[in-house]
Structure formats: C-alpha cells, structure tokens
Amino acid sequence: MVNSNVESSRVWRSVQRYQKGAGFTLIELLVAMAVITVGVTGALSLLIHSIASAQAVRNEVIGANLAQEALEIVHSIRDQSVADGRSWSDGLTVGQVFRVEAFQGGLLSRDDGATLNLDADGFYTYGAGTKTLFQRTVAFDAYSDPARDRKVTITVTWPGRTLTATSVITAWR
C-alpha cells in the first residue's frame, strides 16, 4: 500500500508539472488578444487614411487640370477673336464672372449652383453626364494696360477645397 501511495504522488506531481507548463493562462490570452486588436486596428486605420488621402490627391489633380483647361479655353477665345477680325478682348469682359465650357461656346453665364458633369467620353462638361463635385468659374480684371492685357482668375471648387489660378493674357498681335 505504501508503494501505491508513493506511485500515485509521483504521478500527481508530474501531472501538476505538466499542467503548469502547458497552455496559456487567462492573462496571457487577454494580452495576446489586446496586442492583436491594436495591430489590426492600426492597420485598418492606416488603410482608411490612405484611401482618403488618395481621394484628396485625385481631386487635387482633377481640379488643377480643370483650371489649366479653363485657361486654354480663354486663350482659344482670344485667338479666335483675332482670327475673326474682332478685338482680342471680345467677350473677355472686365468685372464679370463666367462658367467655362469647352464644348458649348467657351464662356457661359454664371450659375452659382452649376457643377460640372463627367460625360461618357470622360470630358467635364455642363451638358449630359454624371454629376461631379466640381464647379469652375473664370473672372477677368483689368491689369496694367486695359487695351493690351487682362488678368484672368480661374476658380475651381469642390467640397472642402478651392483652387485658384491666376494668369495674365495679352493682345499678342
């Protein structure tokens, strides 16, 4: 009987040793879960921030290109006026603000609520297409010599941002 007690106590000790070294405690499990949660939350936060930044950069590029296009349209209007035998400044009225349209005659009357649409061919227009966030205007002001030059201010706006580009156009002939 003594042998069986000794034998059972040896077994019991080895079971206890095995139980102490095996598995995770509740605290270890909670710490591991917290570390994993912080890591996943950080990664998701970075992903969301990256997507928002990419969208902001995309809008910035579109806005800059819309401003550049507006300036090219103004240059085209000036050049066409000269080619048609009119004054270079015909239609570039000082003190007025216009919408700019590449496909509907260049300068349109101002409409504060009008946003540009993206048509099926990928062009921004006030005609048919998918409504966008962008609004674009152009204003003409006198510069050093009203008979020879105009200050052109192009403003492109979208929610949370306004981009303004300024240039001077001249009577080059």
Protein backbone atom coordinates (compact mmCIF):
# COMPACT_ATOMS: atom_id res chain seq x y z
CA MET A 1 0.00 0.00 0.00
CA VAL A 2 2.90 2.27 0.69
CA ASN A 3 4.17 1.72 -2.80
CA SER A 4 0.89 2.69 -4.31
CA ASN A 5 0.85 5.98 -2.35
CA VAL A 6 4.37 6.79 -3.45
CA GLU A 7 3.50 5.87 -7.00
CA SER A 8 0.32 7.99 -7.02
CA SER A 9 2.13 11.00 -5.54
CA ARG A 10 4.78 10.76 -8.29
CA VAL A 11 2.05 10.66 -10.91
CA TRP A 12 0.27 13.55 -9.27
CA ARG A 13 3.44 15.68 -9.23
CA SER A 14 4.14 15.01 -12.87
CA VAL A 15 0.53 15.88 -13.75
CA GLN A 16 0.88 19.13 -11.83
CA ARG A 17 4.18 19.92 -13.56
CA TYR A 18 2.62 19.19 -16.92
CA GLN A 19 -0.41 21.35 -16.17
CA LYS A 20 1.69 24.31 -15.05
CA GLY A 21 3.83 24.36 -18.20
CA ALA A 22 1.15 23.62 -20.80
CA GLY A 23 -1.38 26.03 -22.32
CA PHE A 24 -1.99 29.72 -21.74
CA THR A 25 -3.28 31.47 -18.70
CA LEU A 26 -6.22 33.81 -18.97
CA ILE A 27 -3.96 36.85 -18.56
CA GLU A 28 -1.66 35.68 -21.36
CA LEU A 29 -4.66 35.15 -23.58
CA LEU A 30 -6.03 38.64 -22.84
CA VAL A 31 -2.64 40.27 -23.51
CA ALA A 32 -2.32 38.40 -26.82
CA MET A 33 -5.82 39.47 -27.84
CA ALA A 34 -5.05 43.10 -26.94
CA VAL A 35 -1.84 43.07 -28.99
CA ILE A 36 -3.63 41.56 -32.00
CA THR A 37 -6.50 44.04 -31.66
CA VAL A 38 -4.13 47.03 -31.53
CA GLY A 39 -2.25 45.71 -34.57
CA VAL A 40 -5.39 45.13 -36.64
CA THR A 41 -6.88 48.48 -35.59
CA GLY A 42 -3.68 50.28 -36.57
CA ALA A 43 -3.57 48.57 -39.95
CA LEU A 44 -7.22 49.38 -40.67
CA SER A 45 -6.73 52.99 -39.59
CA LEU A 46 -3.74 53.30 -41.92
CA LEU A 47 -5.75 51.77 -44.77
CA ILE A 48 -8.67 54.18 -44.26
CA HIS A 49 -6.32 57.17 -44.06
CA SER A 50 -4.51 56.05 -47.23
CA ILE A 51 -7.77 55.74 -49.16
CA ALA A 52 -8.91 59.20 -48.02
CA SER A 53 -5.54 60.71 -48.95
CA ALA A 54 -5.64 59.07 -52.38
CA GLN A 55 -9.10 60.55 -52.99
CA ALA A 56 -7.92 64.01 -51.91
CA VAL A 57 -4.91 63.81 -54.24
CA ARG A 58 -7.15 62.60 -57.08
CA ASN A 59 -9.47 65.60 -56.61
CA GLU A 60 -6.48 67.95 -56.45
CA VAL A 61 -5.16 66.65 -59.78
CA ILE A 62 -8.60 66.92 -61.41
CA GLY A 63 -9.02 70.47 -60.04
CA ALA A 64 -5.61 71.55 -61.37
CA ASN A 65 -6.37 70.09 -64.79
CA LEU A 66 -9.77 71.80 -64.89
CA ALA A 67 -8.07 75.13 -64.12
CA GLN A 68 -5.49 74.53 -66.85
CA GLU A 69 -8.23 73.63 -69.33
CA ALA A 70 -10.10 76.84 -68.47
CA LEU A 71 -7.00 78.92 -69.18
CA GLU A 72 -6.54 77.15 -72.52
CA ILE A 73 -10.19 77.88 -73.39
CA VAL A 74 -9.65 81.59 -72.61
CA HIS A 75 -6.55 81.60 -74.84
CA SER A 76 -8.58 79.93 -77.59
CA ILE A 77 -11.34 82.56 -77.31
CA ARG A 78 -8.76 85.34 -77.57
CA ASP A 79 -7.09 83.69 -80.58
CA GLN A 80 -10.40 83.05 -82.34
CA SER A 81 -11.45 86.68 -81.85
CA VAL A 82 -8.25 87.86 -83.53
CA ALA A 83 -8.64 85.30 -86.35
CA ASP A 84 -12.22 86.50 -86.95
CA GLY A 85 -11.05 90.14 -87.20
CA ARG A 86 -12.54 91.20 -83.85
CA SER A 87 -10.82 92.80 -80.90
CA TRP A 88 -8.63 90.35 -78.99
CA SER A 89 -10.62 91.11 -75.82
CA ASP A 90 -14.04 90.49 -77.39
CA GLY A 91 -16.05 88.56 -74.78
CA LEU A 92 -13.39 88.84 -72.08
CA THR A 93 -15.39 91.42 -70.16
CA VAL A 94 -13.66 93.01 -67.18
CA GLY A 95 -15.56 92.65 -63.92
CA GLN A 96 -17.69 89.68 -64.97
CA VAL A 97 -17.57 86.07 -63.82
CA PHE A 98 -18.36 83.23 -66.21
CA ARG A 99 -18.59 79.46 -66.26
CA VAL A 100 -16.13 77.86 -68.66
CA GLU A 101 -17.20 75.13 -71.08
CA ALA A 102 -15.01 73.55 -73.73
CA PHE A 103 -17.88 72.23 -75.86
CA GLN A 104 -20.65 74.84 -75.54
CA GLY A 105 -19.08 78.02 -76.80
CA GLY A 106 -16.43 78.70 -74.18
CA LEU A 107 -17.82 81.22 -71.71
CA LEU A 108 -21.30 80.73 -70.27
CA SER A 109 -23.27 82.94 -67.92
CA ARG A 110 -22.53 82.39 -64.27
CA ASP A 111 -24.68 79.88 -62.39
CA ASP A 112 -23.57 79.52 -58.78
CA GLY A 113 -25.16 76.10 -58.34
CA ALA A 114 -23.91 74.51 -61.56
CA THR A 115 -21.48 71.64 -61.18
CA LEU A 116 -19.56 70.02 -63.99
CA ASN A 117 -20.72 66.65 -65.28
CA LEU A 118 -18.48 63.83 -66.46
CA ASP A 119 -19.72 62.64 -69.85
CA ALA A 120 -19.43 59.14 -71.34
CA ASP A 121 -16.18 60.08 -73.12
CA GLY A 122 -14.50 61.26 -69.89
CA PHE A 123 -14.86 65.00 -70.52
CA TYR A 124 -16.04 67.51 -67.92
CA THR A 125 -18.97 69.49 -69.29
CA TYR A 126 -22.16 71.25 -68.23
CA GLY A 127 -24.09 69.01 -70.64
CA ALA A 128 -25.28 65.46 -70.10
CA GLY A 129 -23.28 63.16 -67.88
CA THR A 130 -22.67 62.05 -64.33
CA LYS A 131 -22.77 64.91 -61.82
CA THR A 132 -19.42 65.65 -60.16
CA LEU A 133 -18.36 67.72 -57.16
CA PHE A 134 -16.50 70.34 -59.23
CA GLN A 135 -17.52 73.92 -60.04
CA ARG A 136 -15.40 76.17 -62.24
CA THR A 137 -15.53 79.91 -62.92
CA VAL A 138 -13.35 82.45 -64.69
CA ALA A 139 -13.18 86.19 -63.93
CA PHE A 140 -11.50 88.97 -65.90
CA ASP A 141 -9.94 92.04 -64.32
CA ALA A 142 -8.02 95.00 -65.68
CA TYR A 143 -4.27 94.72 -65.49
CA SER A 144 -1.56 97.27 -66.31
CA ASP A 145 -2.97 98.36 -69.72
CA PRO A 146 -6.67 97.50 -70.27
CA ALA A 147 -6.23 97.86 -74.03
CA ARG A 148 -3.41 95.28 -74.08
CA ASP A 149 -3.93 92.79 -71.25
CA ARG A 150 -6.35 91.14 -68.83
CA LYS A 151 -5.85 89.38 -65.53
CA VAL A 152 -7.62 86.01 -65.62
CA THR A 153 -8.62 84.33 -62.35
CA ILE A 154 -9.85 80.76 -62.59
CA THR A 155 -11.51 79.23 -59.56
CA VAL A 156 -12.25 75.52 -59.23
CA THR A 157 -14.14 74.44 -56.12
CA TRP A 158 -15.22 71.13 -54.65
CA PRO A 159 -16.32 70.25 -51.11
CA GLY A 160 -13.67 71.33 -48.64
CA ARG A 161 -11.30 72.87 -51.19
CA THR A 162 -10.91 75.84 -53.53
CA LEU A 163 -8.14 76.05 -56.11
CA THR A 164 -7.40 79.44 -57.66
CA ALA A 165 -5.13 80.02 -60.65
CA THR A 166 -4.23 83.47 -61.95
CA SER A 167 -2.65 84.43 -65.25
CA VAL A 168 -2.30 87.46 -67.50
CA ILE A 169 -3.28 87.26 -71.15
CA THR A 170 -2.20 89.87 -73.63
CA ALA A 171 -3.06 91.14 -77.08
CA TRP A 172 -0.20 89.30 -78.72
CA ARG A 173 -0.80 90.79 -82.19
